[in-house]
C-alpha cells in the first residue's frame, strides 16, 4: 500500500466540491452532530455526577456515616459508648435519645423527630449542628431548621410548642404531653425534608420531660472518614443486642434510582452521536456513488482495493474523530464556563445549592470518548467496503 497516494486522495476528497455541494454539507453536519453530541454528553454526565455527590454530601451529614441502634431495650448505655471510644480512638461518637413530636404554631401542625444529645459530642459528628450551636442549651432550649422557622415565621428567642407522644392525665382523660421550647439556634442542611423535621435539645430536657433514665440511649451516631471500611470492624466489637447501619444502606433506593437515571441519560445521549454518525455513512456513500468512475479508473491504473478502502475509511475517521475531539474540547470548556460563572442558578430550597454542581468522573469521560470513537469506526467501515467493491470493468464500460 502506498501511504502517500492514500493521503493525497484523502486530502482531495476533503475539499469542497462545487459540483456536489450536498456531499460536503452532509459531512459538515455529521461533524457538527458528533461534536454537539459529545459536548452535551460530557456536560450532562458532569451535572449528574455533581448532583449525586451534592446529595451524597448532605445525606452523609444528616444521616450520619454510621449509626448504632438497639435490638433490645436499654441495650445502649454509657458503658458501650466508653468501650467503643476506647477501641476506636480515631472515630467520633455521639449518643442520642429520640422521640416523635408534633410542632404547633397557631393552626399549623408539623411532625418530626426530636433528638436529645450532648452538644459537645454532636458538634464533632454533625457540622450542620456545629454551625447552629453557639451557646449552651438553656432550660427547654431547642435548635430547629431555618426553613421550618421561616415557614412558621419564627426567630431565635421565640417560643414554639412541641406535642409529645407521651400521654398525661387531664381531668378524666389522657392528653398528649405538650411543652413550650425556646428557639436557641437555627440550622440549614440544604435538604428541606431534614430541616423541617429534625429538632435538637439536651439530654437534661429529655430526662425531665419524658422521664428518660440518664446514661441510656436510643442510638449512637458515628463520624468516620471511611465508613464502608469501619462498619465491618465496629460490627465485630458490638454485642448481639445492638446493630450498626451505614448511611448508604439507609438511602440505597435513592442512589440506585440516580444511577439508573444516569445510565439511561448516557444511552439516550449516545444515540444522538449514533444518529449523527449516520450522516458519515450517507456522506461517504454519496461520495462513492458520485466518484464511481474515478474509483474505477484508479483501480484500473493499479490502485489496490485495500488502498481504496483505506481512502474512504480515513475520510470517515477524520470527520468522526474531528467531531469527537472538538466535542470534548467544547464539553470541557463548557464545564469550566459553568463552574466559573453563575449562568444557571438553581433554587437552593429544592437542590440545597444555588450553583450548578459539576463533577466529571474520569470513567465517564473515557466511556464517552471510547463510545463515540467506536460509533465513528463502525460508521466508516461500510462505505469503505462498498468503495473497494466497485467493479472497474463494469463501471468504465457503462460510463
Protein backbone atom coordinates (compact mmCIF):
# COMPACT_ATOMS: atom_id res chain seq x y z
CA UNK A 1 0.00 0.00 0.00
CA UNK A 2 1.26 3.47 -0.91
CA UNK A 3 0.60 5.82 2.07
CA UNK A 4 1.45 8.91 0.03
CA UNK A 5 -1.16 8.04 -2.60
CA UNK A 6 -3.82 7.36 0.09
CA UNK A 7 -3.08 10.66 1.90
CA UNK A 8 -3.23 12.63 -1.37
CA UNK A 9 -6.62 11.20 -2.28
CA UNK A 10 -7.98 11.80 1.24
CA UNK A 11 -6.97 15.48 1.07
CA UNK A 12 -8.59 15.75 -2.35
CA UNK A 13 -11.90 14.28 -1.23
CA UNK A 14 -11.99 16.51 1.85
CA UNK A 15 -12.06 19.67 -0.29
CA UNK A 16 -15.31 21.44 -1.13
CA UNK A 17 -16.76 20.12 -4.38
CA UNK A 18 -18.73 22.79 -6.29
CA UNK A 19 -20.40 20.13 -8.43
CA UNK A 20 -21.67 18.19 -5.41
CA UNK A 21 -22.07 20.67 -2.51
CA UNK A 22 -24.57 18.45 -0.68
CA UNK A 23 -21.89 15.83 -0.07
CA UNK A 24 -19.71 18.40 1.67
CA UNK A 25 -22.72 19.74 3.59
CA UNK A 26 -23.60 16.23 4.77
CA UNK A 27 -20.05 15.74 6.04
CA UNK A 28 -20.18 19.08 7.91
CA UNK A 29 -23.50 18.08 9.51
CA UNK A 30 -22.01 14.76 10.59
CA UNK A 31 -19.02 16.56 12.11
CA UNK A 32 -21.23 19.06 13.95
CA UNK A 33 -23.68 16.38 15.10
CA UNK A 34 -20.95 14.28 16.70
CA UNK A 35 -19.29 17.35 18.24
CA UNK A 36 -22.57 18.57 19.76
CA UNK A 37 -23.45 15.07 20.95
CA UNK A 38 -20.12 14.63 22.75
CA UNK A 39 -20.38 18.14 24.23
CA UNK A 40 -23.88 17.57 25.60
CA UNK A 41 -22.96 14.13 26.90
CA UNK A 42 -19.89 15.41 28.79
CA UNK A 43 -21.80 18.30 30.41
CA UNK A 44 -24.82 16.11 31.23
CA UNK A 45 -22.66 13.44 32.89
CA UNK A 46 -20.79 16.13 34.84
CA UNK A 47 -24.10 17.57 36.10
CA UNK A 48 -25.43 14.13 37.06
CA UNK A 49 -22.23 13.29 38.97
CA UNK A 50 -22.20 16.71 40.61
CA UNK A 51 -25.82 16.44 41.76
CA UNK A 52 -25.27 12.92 43.06
CA UNK A 53 -22.22 13.94 45.09
CA UNK A 54 -24.00 17.05 46.37
CA UNK A 55 -26.92 14.98 47.64
CA UNK A 56 -24.50 12.37 48.97
CA UNK A 57 -22.59 15.01 50.91
CA UNK A 58 -25.75 16.38 52.53
CA UNK A 59 -27.24 12.97 53.25
CA UNK A 60 -23.85 11.93 54.67
CA UNK A 61 -24.11 14.67 57.30
CA UNK A 62 -27.79 14.44 58.24
CA UNK A 63 -27.97 10.63 58.17
CA UNK A 64 -24.52 10.30 59.78
CA UNK A 65 -21.90 7.96 58.30
CA UNK A 66 -22.66 5.16 60.77
CA UNK A 67 -25.40 4.63 63.35
CA UNK A 68 -25.51 2.05 66.14
CA UNK A 69 -29.08 1.03 67.00
CA UNK A 70 -30.52 -1.24 69.73
CA UNK A 71 -32.09 -4.63 69.02
CA UNK A 72 -33.23 -4.98 72.63
CA UNK A 73 -34.48 -2.35 75.10
CA UNK A 74 -31.80 -0.49 77.09
CA UNK A 75 -29.03 -2.13 75.00
CA UNK A 76 -27.09 1.14 74.52
CA UNK A 77 -25.61 2.86 77.55
CA UNK A 78 -22.56 4.80 78.71
CA UNK A 79 -20.53 1.59 79.10
CA UNK A 80 -20.99 0.71 75.41
CA UNK A 81 -20.08 4.26 74.33
CA UNK A 82 -16.95 4.22 76.51
CA UNK A 83 -15.97 0.79 75.16
CA UNK A 84 -16.28 1.91 71.53
CA UNK A 85 -14.34 5.11 72.17
CA UNK A 86 -11.56 3.08 73.77
CA UNK A 87 -11.37 0.57 70.87
CA UNK A 88 -11.72 3.15 68.08
CA UNK A 89 -9.93 6.33 69.21
CA UNK A 90 -9.84 7.73 65.64
CA UNK A 91 -13.64 7.79 65.37
CA UNK A 92 -16.07 10.24 66.97
CA UNK A 93 -19.21 9.08 68.80
CA UNK A 94 -22.38 10.94 69.76
CA UNK A 95 -25.05 9.01 71.72
CA UNK A 96 -28.58 10.29 71.34
CA UNK A 97 -32.14 9.93 72.58
CA UNK A 98 -35.03 10.46 70.20
CA UNK A 99 -38.80 10.72 70.15
CA UNK A 100 -41.52 11.62 67.68
CA UNK A 101 -43.09 15.05 68.20
CA UNK A 102 -45.51 17.48 66.59
CA UNK A 103 -44.73 21.18 66.17
CA UNK A 104 -47.68 23.53 66.63
CA UNK A 105 -47.84 27.19 65.65
CA UNK A 106 -51.35 28.62 65.50
CA UNK A 107 -53.34 26.21 63.36
CA UNK A 108 -50.22 24.66 61.76
CA UNK A 109 -49.03 21.18 62.79
CA UNK A 110 -45.82 19.52 61.57
CA UNK A 111 -44.39 16.18 62.58
CA UNK A 112 -40.74 15.32 63.14
CA UNK A 113 -38.05 13.81 65.33
CA UNK A 114 -36.61 15.44 68.41
CA UNK A 115 -33.11 14.38 69.42
CA UNK A 116 -31.66 14.64 72.89
CA UNK A 117 -27.92 15.00 72.51
CA UNK A 118 -24.69 16.05 74.19
CA UNK A 119 -23.93 19.25 72.22
CA UNK A 120 -20.16 18.94 72.57
CA UNK A 121 -20.18 15.40 71.17
CA UNK A 122 -22.75 16.23 68.48
CA UNK A 123 -20.62 19.10 67.18
CA UNK A 124 -17.89 16.60 66.34
CA UNK A 125 -20.13 14.40 64.19
CA UNK A 126 -22.52 16.96 62.65
CA UNK A 127 -21.07 20.09 61.04
CA UNK A 128 -24.57 21.45 60.34
CA UNK A 129 -25.42 21.35 64.04
CA UNK A 130 -22.00 22.76 64.96
CA UNK A 131 -22.67 25.93 62.94
CA UNK A 132 -26.06 26.45 64.63
CA UNK A 133 -24.92 25.73 68.19
CA UNK A 134 -23.45 28.95 69.58
CA UNK A 135 -24.19 28.72 73.32
CA UNK A 136 -25.15 26.02 75.86
CA UNK A 137 -28.77 24.91 75.88
CA UNK A 138 -30.92 26.77 78.39
CA UNK A 139 -33.94 25.32 80.14
CA UNK A 140 -36.12 23.81 77.40
CA UNK A 141 -33.91 25.19 74.66
CA UNK A 142 -34.12 23.77 71.13
CA UNK A 143 -32.40 24.13 67.76
CA UNK A 144 -34.63 23.78 64.68
CA UNK A 145 -34.20 24.07 60.90
CA UNK A 146 -34.18 27.52 59.37
CA UNK A 147 -36.72 26.59 56.63
CA UNK A 148 -39.17 25.49 59.34
CA UNK A 149 -38.61 28.76 61.22
CA UNK A 150 -39.19 30.77 58.04
CA UNK A 151 -42.34 28.80 57.28
CA UNK A 152 -43.75 29.43 60.78
CA UNK A 153 -42.36 32.99 60.95
CA UNK A 154 -40.19 32.21 63.98
CA UNK A 155 -36.85 33.69 65.08
CA UNK A 156 -34.17 32.92 67.65
CA UNK A 157 -35.58 33.66 71.09
CA UNK A 158 -39.20 32.88 70.11
CA UNK A 159 -41.22 30.14 71.78
CA UNK A 160 -42.51 27.09 69.94
CA UNK A 161 -44.93 24.38 71.13
CA UNK A 162 -43.96 20.70 70.88
CA UNK A 163 -46.52 17.94 71.37
CA UNK A 164 -45.07 14.59 72.50
CA UNK A 165 -46.46 11.08 72.06
CA UNK A 166 -46.35 10.57 75.84
CA UNK A 167 -49.76 10.90 77.50
CA UNK A 168 -50.51 12.71 80.76
CA UNK A 169 -53.65 12.85 82.92
CA UNK A 170 -56.06 15.69 82.13
CA UNK A 171 -59.16 15.50 84.31
CA UNK A 172 -60.96 12.26 83.49
CA UNK A 173 -58.97 11.63 80.29
CA UNK A 174 -55.43 11.42 78.96
CA UNK A 175 -53.90 14.14 76.79
CA UNK A 176 -50.64 14.21 74.84
CA UNK A 177 -47.83 15.91 76.73
CA UNK A 178 -47.02 19.36 75.32
CA UNK A 179 -44.24 21.78 76.19
CA UNK A 180 -43.11 25.21 75.02
CA UNK A 181 -39.46 25.42 73.99
CA UNK A 182 -37.25 28.43 73.37
CA UNK A 183 -35.54 28.55 69.97
CA UNK A 184 -31.80 28.94 70.60
CA UNK A 185 -30.41 28.23 67.16
CA UNK A 186 -31.27 27.62 63.50
CA UNK A 187 -29.55 25.17 61.16
CA UNK A 188 -29.74 24.59 57.42
CA UNK A 189 -28.55 21.38 55.83
CA UNK A 190 -29.86 22.19 52.35
CA UNK A 191 -32.38 19.32 52.43
CA UNK A 192 -35.80 20.57 53.50
CA UNK A 193 -37.02 17.12 54.49
CA UNK A 194 -34.46 17.19 57.33
CA UNK A 195 -34.54 20.92 58.04
CA UNK A 196 -38.28 20.79 58.75
CA UNK A 197 -38.37 17.56 60.74
CA UNK A 198 -35.19 17.40 62.90
CA UNK A 199 -35.02 19.22 66.27
CA UNK A 200 -32.17 19.15 68.79
CA UNK A 201 -32.28 19.61 72.55
CA UNK A 202 -30.28 18.42 75.57
CA UNK A 203 -30.30 15.11 77.47
CA UNK A 204 -31.44 17.04 80.54
CA UNK A 205 -34.62 18.13 78.77
CA UNK A 206 -35.41 14.57 77.67
CA UNK A 207 -34.84 13.26 81.18
CA UNK A 208 -37.04 15.92 82.74
CA UNK A 209 -39.94 15.92 80.28
CA UNK A 210 -40.07 12.24 79.27
CA UNK A 211 -38.57 10.69 82.40
CA UNK A 212 -35.71 9.07 80.47
CA UNK A 213 -33.09 7.26 82.52
CA UNK A 214 -29.69 9.02 82.43
CA UNK A 215 -26.98 7.11 80.63
CA UNK A 216 -29.33 5.03 78.44
CA UNK A 217 -29.69 5.96 74.77
CA UNK A 218 -31.66 5.18 71.64
CA UNK A 219 -28.57 5.02 69.45
CA UNK A 220 -25.06 6.28 68.70
CA UNK A 221 -24.10 8.43 65.73
CA UNK A 222 -20.56 7.82 64.48
CA UNK A 223 -18.41 10.13 62.37
CA UNK A 224 -16.00 8.22 60.10
CA UNK A 225 -13.92 9.18 57.07
CA UNK A 226 -14.09 5.58 55.79
CA UNK A 227 -17.48 4.27 56.91
CA UNK A 228 -17.63 1.34 54.49
CA UNK A 229 -14.39 0.01 55.93
CA UNK A 230 -15.04 0.88 59.57
CA UNK A 231 -18.53 -0.64 59.68
CA UNK A 232 -17.08 -4.16 59.48
CA UNK A 233 -14.52 -3.52 62.22
CA UNK A 234 -17.10 -1.97 64.56
CA UNK A 235 -19.58 -4.77 63.87
CA UNK A 236 -17.09 -7.31 65.23
CA UNK A 237 -16.83 -5.42 68.53
CA UNK A 238 -20.57 -4.92 69.10
CA UNK A 239 -22.63 -7.20 71.37
CA UNK A 240 -25.52 -9.14 69.85
CA UNK A 241 -28.06 -6.79 71.44
CA UNK A 242 -27.16 -3.92 69.09
CA UNK A 243 -26.64 -3.48 65.35
CA UNK A 244 -24.98 -0.96 63.05
CA UNK A 245 -26.09 0.59 59.75
CA UNK A 246 -24.37 2.89 57.23
CA UNK A 247 -25.85 5.95 55.57
CA UNK A 248 -25.68 4.27 52.14
CA UNK A 249 -27.85 1.42 53.45
CA UNK A 250 -30.46 3.87 54.70
CA UNK A 251 -30.63 5.59 51.29
CA UNK A 252 -29.88 2.69 48.95
CA UNK A 253 -33.03 3.08 46.83
CA UNK A 254 -32.38 6.79 46.27
CA UNK A 255 -28.85 6.30 44.93
CA UNK A 256 -29.87 3.22 42.92
CA UNK A 257 -32.51 5.38 41.20
CA UNK A 258 -29.92 8.09 40.47
CA UNK A 259 -27.53 5.53 38.97
CA UNK A 260 -30.30 4.15 36.76
CA UNK A 261 -31.22 7.67 35.65
CA UNK A 262 -27.58 8.37 34.86
CA UNK A 263 -27.25 5.21 32.75
CA UNK A 264 -30.48 5.97 30.89
CA UNK A 265 -29.30 9.52 30.15
CA UNK A 266 -25.95 8.19 28.89
CA UNK A 267 -27.68 5.78 26.49
CA UNK A 268 -30.14 8.38 25.21
CA UNK A 269 -27.44 10.98 24.57
CA UNK A 270 -25.16 8.39 22.97
CA UNK A 271 -27.98 7.81 20.48
CA UNK A 272 -27.52 11.45 19.40
CA UNK A 273 -23.96 10.59 18.39
CA UNK A 274 -25.21 7.42 16.68
CA UNK A 275 -27.76 9.40 14.66
CA UNK A 276 -25.10 11.97 13.74
CA UNK A 277 -22.81 9.17 12.61
CA UNK A 278 -25.43 8.15 10.03
CA UNK A 279 -24.51 11.35 8.22
CA UNK A 280 -20.99 9.99 7.92
CA UNK A 281 -22.38 6.86 6.26
CA UNK A 282 -24.61 8.85 3.90
CA UNK A 283 -21.86 11.35 3.09
CA UNK A 284 -19.32 8.66 2.25
CA UNK A 285 -21.83 6.62 0.26
CA UNK A 286 -22.73 9.70 -1.80
CA UNK A 287 -19.01 10.32 -2.37
CA UNK A 288 -18.58 6.74 -3.51
CA UNK A 289 -21.60 6.89 -5.83
CA UNK A 290 -20.58 10.21 -7.38
CA UNK A 291 -16.96 9.16 -7.84
CA UNK A 292 -17.52 5.62 -9.02
CA UNK A 293 -15.88 6.32 -12.36
CA UNK A 294 -12.87 7.88 -10.64
CA UNK A 295 -12.57 4.94 -8.23
CA UNK A 296 -12.87 2.52 -11.17
CA UNK A 297 -10.14 4.42 -13.04
CA UNK A 298 -7.85 4.29 -10.00
CA UNK A 299 -8.39 0.55 -9.70
CA UNK A 300 -7.67 0.04 -13.41
CA UNK A 301 -4.46 2.09 -13.10
CA UNK A 302 -3.12 -0.20 -10.38
CA UNK A 303 -4.60 1.01 -7.10
CA UNK A 304 -5.45 -1.91 -4.82
CA UNK A 305 -8.84 -2.47 -3.22
CA UNK A 306 -7.17 -2.09 0.14
CA UNK A 307 -5.93 1.38 -0.81
CA UNK A 308 -9.41 2.41 -1.96
CA UNK A 309 -10.87 1.09 1.28
CA UNK A 310 -8.23 2.99 3.28
CA UNK A 311 -9.08 6.25 1.50
CA UNK A 312 -12.75 6.20 2.40
CA UNK A 313 -12.18 4.69 5.82
CA UNK A 314 -9.81 7.54 6.69
CA UNK A 315 -12.31 10.08 5.38
CA UNK A 316 -14.89 8.77 7.85
CA UNK A 317 -12.40 8.69 10.72
CA UNK A 318 -11.26 12.26 10.07
CA UNK A 319 -14.86 13.54 10.11
CA UNK A 320 -15.84 11.46 13.15
CA UNK A 321 -12.71 11.83 15.27
CA UNK A 322 -12.59 15.53 14.45
CA UNK A 323 -16.11 15.82 15.83
CA UNK A 324 -15.17 13.82 18.94
CA UNK A 325 -12.13 15.99 19.60
CA UNK A 326 -13.97 19.27 19.10
CA UNK A 327 -16.87 17.97 21.22
CA UNK A 328 -14.50 17.02 24.05
CA UNK A 329 -12.88 20.48 23.96
CA UNK A 330 -16.27 22.22 23.91
CA UNK A 331 -17.59 19.98 26.68
CA UNK A 332 -14.65 20.63 29.00
CA UNK A 333 -14.76 24.33 28.09
CA UNK A 334 -18.48 24.45 28.82
CA UNK A 335 -17.88 22.84 32.22
CA UNK A 336 -15.24 25.44 33.04
CA UNK A 337 -17.59 28.23 31.97
CA UNK A 338 -20.49 26.90 34.06
CA UNK A 339 -18.29 26.41 37.10
CA UNK A 340 -16.80 29.93 36.96
CA UNK A 341 -19.95 31.91 36.17
CA UNK A 342 -23.48 31.54 37.56
CA UNK A 343 -25.04 31.07 34.14
CA UNK A 344 -27.51 28.53 35.57
CA UNK A 345 -28.95 29.27 39.02
CA UNK A 346 -30.78 26.57 40.98
CA UNK A 347 -33.45 27.08 43.67
CA UNK A 348 -31.49 26.45 46.86
CA UNK A 349 -34.53 25.27 48.84
CA UNK A 350 -35.02 22.43 46.34
CA UNK A 351 -31.48 21.33 45.46
CA UNK A 352 -29.59 22.50 48.54
CA UNK A 353 -27.27 24.68 46.45
CA UNK A 354 -27.77 27.69 44.17
CA UNK A 355 -24.80 26.85 41.93
CA UNK A 356 -24.82 24.10 39.34
CA UNK A 357 -22.62 21.27 40.72
CA UNK A 358 -20.25 19.78 38.13
CA UNK A 359 -18.01 16.78 38.60
CA UNK A 360 -16.93 14.75 35.56
CA UNK A 361 -15.73 11.29 36.51
CA UNK A 362 -12.73 10.04 34.52
CA UNK A 363 -14.53 6.75 33.84
CA UNK A 364 -17.49 8.60 32.33
CA UNK A 365 -15.21 10.78 30.21
CA UNK A 366 -13.30 7.77 28.86
CA UNK A 367 -16.60 5.93 28.22
CA UNK A 368 -17.91 8.87 26.19
CA UNK A 369 -14.76 9.16 24.08
CA UNK A 370 -14.44 5.39 23.52
CA UNK A 371 -18.16 5.05 22.72
CA UNK A 372 -18.06 7.92 20.22
CA UNK A 373 -14.87 6.50 18.66
CA UNK A 374 -16.41 3.04 18.19
CA UNK A 375 -19.55 4.53 16.61
CA UNK A 376 -17.36 6.53 14.22
CA UNK A 377 -15.25 3.48 13.46
CA UNK A 378 -18.17 1.27 12.51
CA UNK A 379 -19.84 4.08 10.57
CA UNK A 380 -16.76 4.38 8.35
CA UNK A 381 -16.36 0.67 7.64
CA UNK A 382 -19.44 0.04 5.49
CA UNK A 383 -18.90 2.90 2.97
CA UNK A 384 -15.21 1.98 2.73
CA UNK A 385 -16.11 -1.63 1.91
CA UNK A 386 -18.61 -0.50 -0.72
CA UNK A 387 -15.95 1.67 -2.35
CA UNK A 388 -13.48 -1.24 -2.50
CA UNK A 389 -16.14 -3.46 -4.16
CA UNK A 390 -16.56 -1.21 -7.20
CA UNK A 391 -16.15 -3.26 -10.40
CA UNK A 392 -13.90 -1.11 -12.67
CA UNK A 393 -14.72 -3.08 -15.84
CA UNK A 394 -18.48 -2.70 -15.39
CA UNK A 395 -18.31 0.96 -14.40
CA UNK A 396 -15.96 2.05 -17.19
CA UNK A 397 -18.00 0.14 -19.80
CA UNK A 398 -21.22 1.89 -18.75
CA UNK A 399 -19.73 5.35 -18.28
